[in-house]
Amino acid sequence: MHRTVRVILAALTVLASVLAPTIARADDGPDLCANRPGLGTPPCTLPAGGIMVELAAVGWERSTSPGRRDDSLVHGDALFRAGLGRATEIEIGLGGWTHSFSQAGAISDAASGLGDATFAVRHGFGSETGAKFAVQAYVAVPVGRPPGGAGDWGAGVLLPIALPLPAGFTLIATPEIAAAVNASGRGRHLAWGAVAGLEHALTRAVSLSAELSAFRDEDPEGVATESRLALAAAWQVSPSLQIDIEVDIGLTPSAPDHALLLGFAHRF
């Protein structure tokens, strides 16, 4: 096993063992139904009148190639969610402030820019205790600027799925197809793929997840397949507050080598 994977697994295990005995007060609270952490999207929806704010306090990615290193740091990536009915919600995402830095030999380059806005609608199906799935459609509006903004509008459809398994595990998957913005910042191309993984609730307040993603991006400037492994832990501090951490490891050359995300979700 990759040394980085072993270190992350050990860290998440220690985190879970430390937190589990201290969160009994949150055990009787309702499921929070947060989108974060992780690569996929849950099929659950907020109840009518429910409001949630999710914030990525910090997100860092690093990519390396012979003679070159690229880093990206994002602050304040926010998502606002509101329940409209028994199984329907709307989402408004506001991209955070992105700072990128590239180093190639003695030459370096840096840029900063605000991310784009995203509008989405999700409708869920299934029972409270059995398999669940949902349909989510979204559109991205180019209100930001590079490196945070894509430069043009994009859209896509997600099909989140959750299937309960024995021993407290849940099989999670999120197929997706999208009209992704071209790398040039003008026009769109086909992008498709899926996220699949397992989630395990140690208690009602602490959960761990492991996911694999694979996405085919058919950009006119170069077709690529990006694949990642994501390991995450979420701690529901109270019935309305979650703190989480996610670590990603790139599995293909087009994916970042490493990524680290820290954030929280608060339900009103």
C-alpha atoms as a PDB file:
ATOM      1  CA  MET A   1       0.000   0.000   0.000  1.00  0.00           C
ATOM      2  CA  HIS A   2       1.169   3.508  -0.805  1.00  0.00           C
ATOM      3  CA  ARG A   3       2.933   5.040   2.205  1.00  0.00           C
ATOM      4  CA  THR A   4       0.726   8.149   2.095  1.00  0.00           C
ATOM      5  CA  VAL A   5      -2.411   6.002   2.182  1.00  0.00           C
ATOM      6  CA  ARG A   6      -1.124   4.120   5.230  1.00  0.00           C
ATOM      7  CA  VAL A   7      -0.390   7.354   7.057  1.00  0.00           C
ATOM      8  CA  ILE A   8      -3.827   8.809   6.277  1.00  0.00           C
ATOM      9  CA  LEU A   9      -5.670   5.650   7.309  1.00  0.00           C
ATOM     10  CA  ALA A  10      -3.762   5.605  10.589  1.00  0.00           C
ATOM     11  CA  ALA A  11      -4.545   9.277  11.198  1.00  0.00           C
ATOM     12  CA  LEU A  12      -8.261   8.810  10.538  1.00  0.00           C
ATOM     13  CA  THR A  13      -8.360   5.760  12.827  1.00  0.00           C
ATOM     14  CA  VAL A  14      -6.719   7.714  15.641  1.00  0.00           C
ATOM     15  CA  LEU A  15      -9.090  10.635  15.064  1.00  0.00           C
ATOM     16  CA  ALA A  16     -12.127   8.369  15.246  1.00  0.00           C
ATOM     17  CA  SER A  17     -10.900   6.629  18.417  1.00  0.00           C
ATOM     18  CA  VAL A  18     -10.321   9.987  20.100  1.00  0.00           C
ATOM     19  CA  LEU A  19     -13.635  11.527  19.093  1.00  0.00           C
ATOM     20  CA  ALA A  20     -15.985   8.576  19.493  1.00  0.00           C
ATOM     21  CA  PRO A  21     -16.068   8.546  23.332  1.00  0.00           C
ATOM     22  CA  THR A  22     -16.651  12.310  23.498  1.00  0.00           C
ATOM     23  CA  ILE A  23     -19.701  12.763  21.281  1.00  0.00           C
ATOM     24  CA  ALA A  24     -22.427  10.880  23.145  1.00  0.00           C
ATOM     25  CA  ARG A  25     -24.422  14.095  23.458  1.00  0.00           C
ATOM     26  CA  ALA A  26     -24.930  14.136  19.661  1.00  0.00           C
ATOM     27  CA  ASP A  27     -26.009  10.494  19.374  1.00  0.00           C
ATOM     28  CA  ASP A  28     -29.709  11.247  19.714  1.00  0.00           C
ATOM     29  CA  GLY A  29     -29.736  14.046  17.136  1.00  0.00           C
ATOM     30  CA  PRO A  30     -31.141  13.746  13.597  1.00  0.00           C
ATOM     31  CA  ASP A  31     -29.015  12.973  10.557  1.00  0.00           C
ATOM     32  CA  LEU A  32     -27.505  16.226   9.389  1.00  0.00           C
ATOM     33  CA  CYS A  33     -27.619  15.409   5.639  1.00  0.00           C
ATOM     34  CA  ALA A  34     -24.510  17.441   4.762  1.00  0.00           C
ATOM     35  CA  ASN A  35     -23.048  17.318   1.254  1.00  0.00           C
ATOM     36  CA  ARG A  36     -19.522  17.397   2.600  1.00  0.00           C
ATOM     37  CA  PRO A  37     -17.063  15.782   3.001  1.00  0.00           C
ATOM     38  CA  GLY A  38     -16.222  13.491   0.098  1.00  0.00           C
ATOM     39  CA  LEU A  39     -16.123  13.391  -3.679  1.00  0.00           C
ATOM     40  CA  GLY A  40     -19.714  12.261  -4.168  1.00  0.00           C
ATOM     41  CA  THR A  41     -23.127  13.730  -3.354  1.00  0.00           C
ATOM     42  CA  PRO A  42     -25.654  12.259  -0.893  1.00  0.00           C
ATOM     43  CA  PRO A  43     -29.213  11.463  -2.060  1.00  0.00           C
ATOM     44  CA  CYS A  44     -30.813  12.931   1.079  1.00  0.00           C
ATOM     45  CA  THR A  45     -32.578  16.300   0.992  1.00  0.00           C
ATOM     46  CA  LEU A  46     -33.351  18.891   3.642  1.00  0.00           C
ATOM     47  CA  PRO A  47     -36.916  19.001   5.001  1.00  0.00           C
ATOM     48  CA  ALA A  48     -39.241  21.798   3.943  1.00  0.00           C
ATOM     49  CA  GLY A  49     -38.047  25.036   5.514  1.00  0.00           C
ATOM     50  CA  GLY A  50     -34.668  23.552   6.465  1.00  0.00           C
ATOM     51  CA  ILE A  51     -31.606  25.737   5.851  1.00  0.00           C
ATOM     52  CA  MET A  52     -27.974  24.648   5.765  1.00  0.00           C
ATOM     53  CA  VAL A  53     -24.696  26.461   5.172  1.00  0.00           C
ATOM     54  CA  GLU A  54     -21.605  24.448   4.240  1.00  0.00           C
ATOM     55  CA  LEU A  55     -18.181  26.063   4.115  1.00  0.00           C
ATOM     56  CA  ALA A  56     -14.823  24.778   2.938  1.00  0.00           C
ATOM     57  CA  ALA A  57     -12.595  26.748   5.282  1.00  0.00           C
ATOM     58  CA  VAL A  58      -9.511  25.726   3.322  1.00  0.00           C
ATOM     59  CA  GLY A  59      -8.779  23.473   0.360  1.00  0.00           C
ATOM     60  CA  TRP A  60      -5.252  22.738  -0.882  1.00  0.00           C
ATOM     61  CA  GLU A  61      -4.071  20.795  -3.936  1.00  0.00           C
ATOM     62  CA  ARG A  62      -0.594  19.991  -5.234  1.00  0.00           C
ATOM     63  CA  SER A  63       0.409  18.595  -8.612  1.00  0.00           C
ATOM     64  CA  THR A  64       3.943  17.743  -9.629  1.00  0.00           C
ATOM     65  CA  SER A  65       5.633  16.751 -12.865  1.00  0.00           C
ATOM     66  CA  PRO A  66       9.287  16.597 -13.883  1.00  0.00           C
ATOM     67  CA  GLY A  67      10.707  20.058 -13.240  1.00  0.00           C
ATOM     68  CA  ARG A  68       7.387  21.613 -12.243  1.00  0.00           C
ATOM     69  CA  ARG A  69       5.172  22.039  -9.179  1.00  0.00           C
ATOM     70  CA  ASP A  70       1.670  23.548  -9.010  1.00  0.00           C
ATOM     71  CA  ASP A  71      -0.175  24.468  -5.820  1.00  0.00           C
ATOM     72  CA  SER A  72      -3.727  25.738  -5.411  1.00  0.00           C
ATOM     73  CA  LEU A  73      -5.254  27.120  -2.214  1.00  0.00           C
ATOM     74  CA  VAL A  74      -8.974  27.904  -1.883  1.00  0.00           C
ATOM     75  CA  HIS A  75     -10.618  29.779   1.015  1.00  0.00           C
ATOM     76  CA  GLY A  76     -14.313  30.204   1.712  1.00  0.00           C
ATOM     77  CA  ASP A  77     -15.943  27.904  -0.837  1.00  0.00           C
ATOM     78  CA  ALA A  78     -19.588  28.148   0.334  1.00  0.00           C
ATOM     79  CA  LEU A  79     -22.825  26.244  -0.310  1.00  0.00           C
ATOM     80  CA  PHE A  80     -26.290  27.411   0.776  1.00  0.00           C
ATOM     81  CA  ARG A  81     -29.092  24.807   0.791  1.00  0.00           C
ATOM     82  CA  ALA A  82     -32.829  25.133   1.430  1.00  0.00           C
ATOM     83  CA  GLY A  83     -35.541  22.468   1.622  1.00  0.00           C
ATOM     84  CA  LEU A  84     -38.616  23.235  -0.488  1.00  0.00           C
ATOM     85  CA  GLY A  85     -40.784  20.170   0.043  1.00  0.00           C
ATOM     86  CA  ARG A  86     -40.806  16.639   1.385  1.00  0.00           C
ATOM     87  CA  ALA A  87     -37.909  15.586  -0.861  1.00  0.00           C
ATOM     88  CA  THR A  88     -36.803  18.649  -2.859  1.00  0.00           C
ATOM     89  CA  GLU A  89     -34.133  21.225  -2.158  1.00  0.00           C
ATOM     90  CA  ILE A  90     -32.336  24.048  -3.938  1.00  0.00           C
ATOM     91  CA  GLU A  91     -28.649  24.886  -3.636  1.00  0.00           C
ATOM     92  CA  ILE A  92     -26.613  28.012  -4.307  1.00  0.00           C
ATOM     93  CA  GLY A  93     -22.849  27.619  -4.367  1.00  0.00           C
ATOM     94  CA  LEU A  94     -20.368  30.492  -4.266  1.00  0.00           C
ATOM     95  CA  GLY A  95     -16.808  29.671  -5.220  1.00  0.00           C
ATOM     96  CA  GLY A  96     -14.150  30.782  -2.776  1.00  0.00           C
ATOM     97  CA  TRP A  97     -11.010  32.819  -3.327  1.00  0.00           C
ATOM     98  CA  THR A  98      -8.442  30.744  -5.208  1.00  0.00           C
ATOM     99  CA  HIS A  99      -4.700  31.398  -5.163  1.00  0.00           C
ATOM    100  CA  SER A 100      -2.501  29.350  -7.491  1.00  0.00           C
ATOM    101  CA  PHE A 101       1.277  29.161  -7.576  1.00  0.00           C
ATOM    102  CA  SER A 102       3.458  27.430 -10.160  1.00  0.00           C
ATOM    103  CA  GLN A 103       7.203  26.789 -10.037  1.00  0.00           C
ATOM    104  CA  ALA A 104       9.190  25.507 -13.020  1.00  0.00           C
ATOM    105  CA  GLY A 105      12.906  25.719 -12.401  1.00  0.00           C
ATOM    106  CA  ALA A 106      13.779  29.356 -11.745  1.00  0.00           C
ATOM    107  CA  ILE A 107      10.491  30.581 -13.226  1.00  0.00           C
ATOM    108  CA  SER A 108       7.453  31.071 -10.991  1.00  0.00           C
ATOM    109  CA  ASP A 109       3.967  32.369 -11.564  1.00  0.00           C
ATOM    110  CA  ALA A 110       1.070  33.239  -9.254  1.00  0.00           C
ATOM    111  CA  ALA A 111      -2.558  34.196  -9.805  1.00  0.00           C
ATOM    112  CA  SER A 112      -5.676  34.755  -7.704  1.00  0.00           C
ATOM    113  CA  GLY A 113      -9.364  34.887  -8.503  1.00  0.00           C
ATOM    114  CA  LEU A 114     -12.870  34.316  -7.163  1.00  0.00           C
ATOM    115  CA  GLY A 115     -14.739  31.137  -8.096  1.00  0.00           C
ATOM    116  CA  ASP A 116     -17.974  30.832 -10.048  1.00  0.00           C
ATOM    117  CA  ALA A 117     -21.547  30.515  -8.764  1.00  0.00           C
ATOM    118  CA  THR A 118     -23.559  27.287  -8.988  1.00  0.00           C
ATOM    119  CA  PHE A 119     -27.331  26.787  -8.861  1.00  0.00           C
ATOM    120  CA  ALA A 120     -28.795  23.300  -8.332  1.00  0.00           C
ATOM    121  CA  VAL A 121     -32.052  21.468  -7.660  1.00  0.00           C
ATOM    122  CA  ARG A 122     -32.174  17.993  -6.065  1.00  0.00           C
ATOM    123  CA  HIS A 123     -35.146  15.658  -5.688  1.00  0.00           C
ATOM    124  CA  GLY A 124     -34.847  12.502  -3.613  1.00  0.00           C
ATOM    125  CA  PHE A 125     -36.554   9.122  -3.833  1.00  0.00           C
ATOM    126  CA  GLY A 126     -36.647   6.035  -1.615  1.00  0.00           C
ATOM    127  CA  SER A 127     -37.467   5.219   2.004  1.00  0.00           C
ATOM    128  CA  GLU A 128     -35.904   6.449   5.227  1.00  0.00           C
ATOM    129  CA  THR A 129     -34.402   3.041   6.065  1.00  0.00           C
ATOM    130  CA  GLY A 130     -33.877   1.446   2.652  1.00  0.00           C
ATOM    131  CA  ALA A 131     -32.062   2.361  -0.541  1.00  0.00           C
ATOM    132  CA  LYS A 132     -32.142   6.018  -1.541  1.00  0.00           C
ATOM    133  CA  PHE A 133     -31.407   7.800  -4.778  1.00  0.00           C
ATOM    134  CA  ALA A 134     -31.839  11.302  -6.139  1.00  0.00           C
ATOM    135  CA  VAL A 135     -31.624  13.373  -9.282  1.00  0.00           C
ATOM    136  CA  GLN A 136     -29.729  16.662  -9.175  1.00  0.00           C
ATOM    137  CA  ALA A 137     -29.371  19.156 -12.003  1.00  0.00           C
ATOM    138  CA  TYR A 138     -27.015  22.121 -11.797  1.00  0.00           C
ATOM    139  CA  VAL A 139     -25.744  25.062 -13.801  1.00  0.00           C
ATOM    140  CA  ALA A 140     -22.504  26.981 -13.169  1.00  0.00           C
ATOM    141  CA  VAL A 141     -22.544  30.728 -13.876  1.00  0.00           C
ATOM    142  CA  PRO A 142     -19.222  32.440 -14.759  1.00  0.00           C
ATOM    143  CA  VAL A 143     -19.134  35.203 -12.157  1.00  0.00           C
ATOM    144  CA  GLY A 144     -15.522  34.572 -11.100  1.00  0.00           C
ATOM    145  CA  ARG A 145     -12.182  34.919 -12.792  1.00  0.00           C
ATOM    146  CA  PRO A 146      -9.262  32.543 -13.358  1.00  0.00           C
ATOM    147  CA  PRO A 147      -7.852  30.601 -11.648  1.00  0.00           C
ATOM    148  CA  GLY A 148     -11.065  30.308  -9.607  1.00  0.00           C
ATOM    149  CA  GLY A 149     -13.519  30.896 -12.432  1.00  0.00           C
ATOM    150  CA  ALA A 150     -13.941  28.711 -15.533  1.00  0.00           C
ATOM    151  CA  GLY A 151     -14.733  31.577 -17.930  1.00  0.00           C
ATOM    152  CA  ASP A 152     -18.047  30.275 -19.334  1.00  0.00           C
ATOM    153  CA  TRP A 153     -21.234  28.583 -18.171  1.00  0.00           C
ATOM    154  CA  GLY A 154     -21.464  24.840 -17.567  1.00  0.00           C
ATOM    155  CA  ALA A 155     -24.176  22.373 -16.539  1.00  0.00           C
ATOM    156  CA  GLY A 156     -24.648  18.778 -15.486  1.00  0.00           C
ATOM    157  CA  VAL A 157     -26.792  16.056 -13.939  1.00  0.00           C
ATOM    158  CA  LEU A 158     -25.957  13.856 -10.919  1.00  0.00           C
ATOM    159  CA  LEU A 159     -27.617  10.624  -9.766  1.00  0.00           C
ATOM    160  CA  PRO A 160     -26.644  10.157  -6.083  1.00  0.00           C
ATOM    161  CA  ILE A 161     -27.280   6.678  -4.656  1.00  0.00           C
ATOM    162  CA  ALA A 162     -27.010   5.244  -1.128  1.00  0.00           C
ATOM    163  CA  LEU A 163     -27.569   1.563  -0.316  1.00  0.00           C
ATOM    164  CA  PRO A 164     -27.483   0.385   3.333  1.00  0.00           C
ATOM    165  CA  LEU A 165     -25.252  -2.644   3.992  1.00  0.00           C
ATOM    166  CA  PRO A 166     -24.798  -4.867   7.051  1.00  0.00           C
ATOM    167  CA  ALA A 167     -22.625  -3.856  10.021  1.00  0.00           C
ATOM    168  CA  GLY A 168     -23.337  -0.144   9.693  1.00  0.00           C
ATOM    169  CA  PHE A 169     -21.826   0.323   6.234  1.00  0.00           C
ATOM    170  CA  THR A 170     -23.408   2.208   3.337  1.00  0.00           C
ATOM    171  CA  LEU A 171     -22.554   1.837  -0.345  1.00  0.00           C
ATOM    172  CA  ILE A 172     -22.479   5.288  -1.943  1.00  0.00           C
ATOM    173  CA  ALA A 173     -22.245   6.231  -5.624  1.00  0.00           C
ATOM    174  CA  THR A 174     -22.679   9.348  -7.744  1.00  0.00           C
ATOM    175  CA  PRO A 175     -22.705   8.984 -11.541  1.00  0.00           C
ATOM    176  CA  GLU A 176     -22.455  12.325 -13.364  1.00  0.00           C
ATOM    177  CA  ILE A 177     -22.599  13.707 -16.894  1.00  0.00           C
ATOM    178  CA  ALA A 178     -21.775  17.319 -17.624  1.00  0.00           C
ATOM    179  CA  ALA A 179     -21.242  19.990 -20.223  1.00  0.00           C
ATOM    180  CA  ALA A 180     -17.906  21.123 -18.801  1.00  0.00           C
ATOM    181  CA  VAL A 181     -16.226  24.389 -19.738  1.00  0.00           C
ATOM    182  CA  ASN A 182     -13.296  24.114 -22.141  1.00  0.00           C
ATOM    183  CA  ALA A 183      -9.836  24.800 -20.764  1.00  0.00           C
ATOM    184  CA  SER A 184      -9.727  27.833 -23.092  1.00  0.00           C
ATOM    185  CA  GLY A 185     -12.576  29.397 -21.088  1.00  0.00           C
ATOM    186  CA  ARG A 186     -14.941  29.408 -24.072  1.00  0.00           C
ATOM    187  CA  GLY A 187     -17.418  26.718 -25.055  1.00  0.00           C
ATOM    188  CA  ARG A 188     -18.181  23.347 -23.524  1.00  0.00           C
ATOM    189  CA  HIS A 189     -17.377  19.683 -23.967  1.00  0.00           C
ATOM    190  CA  LEU A 190     -18.600  16.339 -22.659  1.00  0.00           C
ATOM    191  CA  ALA A 191     -17.362  15.140 -19.258  1.00  0.00           C
ATOM    192  CA  TRP A 192     -18.658  12.048 -17.522  1.00  0.00           C
ATOM    193  CA  GLY A 193     -17.801   9.613 -14.774  1.00  0.00           C
ATOM    194  CA  ALA A 194     -18.729   8.458 -11.308  1.00  0.00           C
ATOM    195  CA  VAL A 195     -17.783   8.303  -7.640  1.00  0.00           C
ATOM    196  CA  ALA A 196     -18.237   5.099  -5.633  1.00  0.00           C
ATOM    197  CA  GLY A 197     -17.281   4.135  -2.110  1.00  0.00           C
ATOM    198  CA  LEU A 198     -18.190   3.006   1.383  1.00  0.00           C
ATOM    199  CA  GLU A 199     -19.291   4.988   4.398  1.00  0.00           C
ATOM    200  CA  HIS A 200     -19.293   3.654   7.946  1.00  0.00           C
ATOM    201  CA  ALA A 201     -20.975   5.278  10.908  1.00  0.00           C
ATOM    202  CA  LEU A 202     -18.942   4.558  14.033  1.00  0.00           C
ATOM    203  CA  THR A 203     -21.704   6.320  15.991  1.00  0.00           C
ATOM    204  CA  ARG A 204     -24.474   8.693  14.951  1.00  0.00           C
ATOM    205  CA  ALA A 205     -21.937  11.491  15.342  1.00  0.00           C
ATOM    206  CA  VAL A 206     -18.730  10.108  13.812  1.00  0.00           C
ATOM    207  CA  SER A 207     -18.455   8.612  10.346  1.00  0.00           C
ATOM    208  CA  LEU A 208     -15.629   7.596   8.034  1.00  0.00           C
ATOM    209  CA  SER A 209     -15.717   7.188   4.262  1.00  0.00           C
ATOM    210  CA  ALA A 210     -13.478   5.955   1.460  1.00  0.00           C
ATOM    211  CA  GLU A 211     -14.262   6.776  -2.170  1.00  0.00           C
ATOM    212  CA  LEU A 212     -12.826   6.268  -5.640  1.00  0.00           C
ATOM    213  CA  SER A 213     -13.611   8.576  -8.540  1.00  0.00           C
ATOM    214  CA  ALA A 214     -13.017   8.332 -12.281  1.00  0.00           C
ATOM    215  CA  PHE A 215     -14.012  11.065 -14.728  1.00  0.00           C
ATOM    216  CA  ARG A 216     -13.423  11.289 -18.462  1.00  0.00           C
ATOM    217  CA  ASP A 217     -12.878  14.856 -19.638  1.00  0.00           C
ATOM    218  CA  GLU A 218     -13.082  15.278 -23.409  1.00  0.00           C
ATOM    219  CA  ASP A 219     -11.631  18.780 -23.626  1.00  0.00           C
ATOM    220  CA  PRO A 220     -10.670  19.872 -27.171  1.00  0.00           C
ATOM    221  CA  GLU A 221      -7.196  20.762 -25.892  1.00  0.00           C
ATOM    222  CA  GLY A 222      -6.623  17.216 -24.609  1.00  0.00           C
ATOM    223  CA  VAL A 223      -8.702  14.281 -23.476  1.00  0.00           C
ATOM    224  CA  ALA A 224      -7.885  13.067 -19.965  1.00  0.00           C
ATOM    225  CA  THR A 225      -9.143  10.689 -17.287  1.00  0.00           C
ATOM    226  CA  GLU A 226      -8.874  11.925 -13.704  1.00  0.00           C
ATOM    227  CA  SER A 227      -9.082   9.423 -10.856  1.00  0.00           C
ATOM    228  CA  ARG A 228      -8.740   9.992  -7.103  1.00  0.00           C
ATOM    229  CA  LEU A 229      -8.908   8.154  -3.807  1.00  0.00           C
ATOM    230  CA  ALA A 230     -10.611  10.159  -1.049  1.00  0.00           C
ATOM    231  CA  LEU A 231     -10.568   9.393   2.676  1.00  0.00           C
ATOM    232  CA  ALA A 232     -12.767  11.492   4.948  1.00  0.00           C
ATOM    233  CA  ALA A 233     -13.992  11.818   8.521  1.00  0.00           C
ATOM    234  CA  ALA A 234     -17.005  13.780   9.740  1.00  0.00           C
ATOM    235  CA  TRP A 235     -17.816  14.667  13.351  1.00  0.00           C
ATOM    236  CA  GLN A 236     -21.356  15.822  14.152  1.00  0.00           C
ATOM    237  CA  VAL A 237     -20.538  17.972  17.145  1.00  0.00           C
ATOM    238  CA  SER A 238     -24.216  18.736  17.802  1.00  0.00           C
ATOM    239  CA  PRO A 239     -27.535  18.053  16.044  1.00  0.00           C
ATOM    240  CA  SER A 240     -26.889  21.137  13.877  1.00  0.00           C
ATOM    241  CA  LEU A 241     -23.097  21.311  13.435  1.00  0.00           C
ATOM    242  CA  GLN A 242     -20.576  19.102  11.632  1.00  0.00           C
ATOM    243  CA  ILE A 243     -16.784  19.455  11.330  1.00  0.00           C
ATOM    244  CA  ASP A 244     -14.990  17.417   8.677  1.00  0.00           C
ATOM    245  CA  ILE A 245     -11.691  16.632   7.017  1.00  0.00           C
ATOM    246  CA  GLU A 246     -10.905  15.046   3.657  1.00  0.00           C
ATOM    247  CA  VAL A 247      -7.653  13.863   2.087  1.00  0.00           C
ATOM    248  CA  ASP A 248      -7.425  13.033  -1.638  1.00  0.00           C
ATOM    249  CA  ILE A 249      -4.706  11.113  -3.454  1.00  0.00           C
ATOM    250  CA  GLY A 250      -4.364  11.337  -7.221  1.00  0.00           C
ATOM    251  CA  LEU A 251      -4.321   8.021  -9.073  1.00  0.00           C
ATOM    252  CA  THR A 252      -3.802   9.311 -12.627  1.00  0.00           C
ATOM    253  CA  PRO A 253      -1.420  11.926 -14.067  1.00  0.00           C
ATOM    254  CA  SER A 254      -4.243  14.427 -14.687  1.00  0.00           C
ATOM    255  CA  ALA A 255      -5.349  14.358 -11.037  1.00  0.00           C
ATOM    256  CA  PRO A 256      -3.628  16.391  -8.298  1.00  0.00           C
ATOM    257  CA  ASP A 257      -1.035  14.372  -6.400  1.00  0.00           C
ATOM    258  CA  HIS A 258      -2.524  15.333  -3.037  1.00  0.00           C
ATOM    259  CA  ALA A 259      -5.398  17.412  -1.712  1.00  0.00           C
ATOM    260  CA  LEU A 260      -6.505  18.403   1.787  1.00  0.00           C
ATOM    261  CA  LEU A 261      -9.888  19.932   2.659  1.00  0.00           C
ATOM    262  CA  LEU A 262     -11.176  21.201   6.006  1.00  0.00           C
ATOM    263  CA  GLY A 263     -14.653  22.577   6.600  1.00  0.00           C
ATOM    264  CA  PHE A 264     -17.955  22.495   8.408  1.00  0.00           C
ATOM    265  CA  ALA A 265     -21.713  22.423   7.882  1.00  0.00           C
ATOM    266  CA  HIS A 266     -24.344  24.148  10.009  1.00  0.00           C
ATOM    267  CA  ARG A 267     -28.083  23.489   9.814  1.00  0.00           C
ATOM    268  CA  PHE A 268     -30.580  26.117  10.932  1.00  0.00           C
END
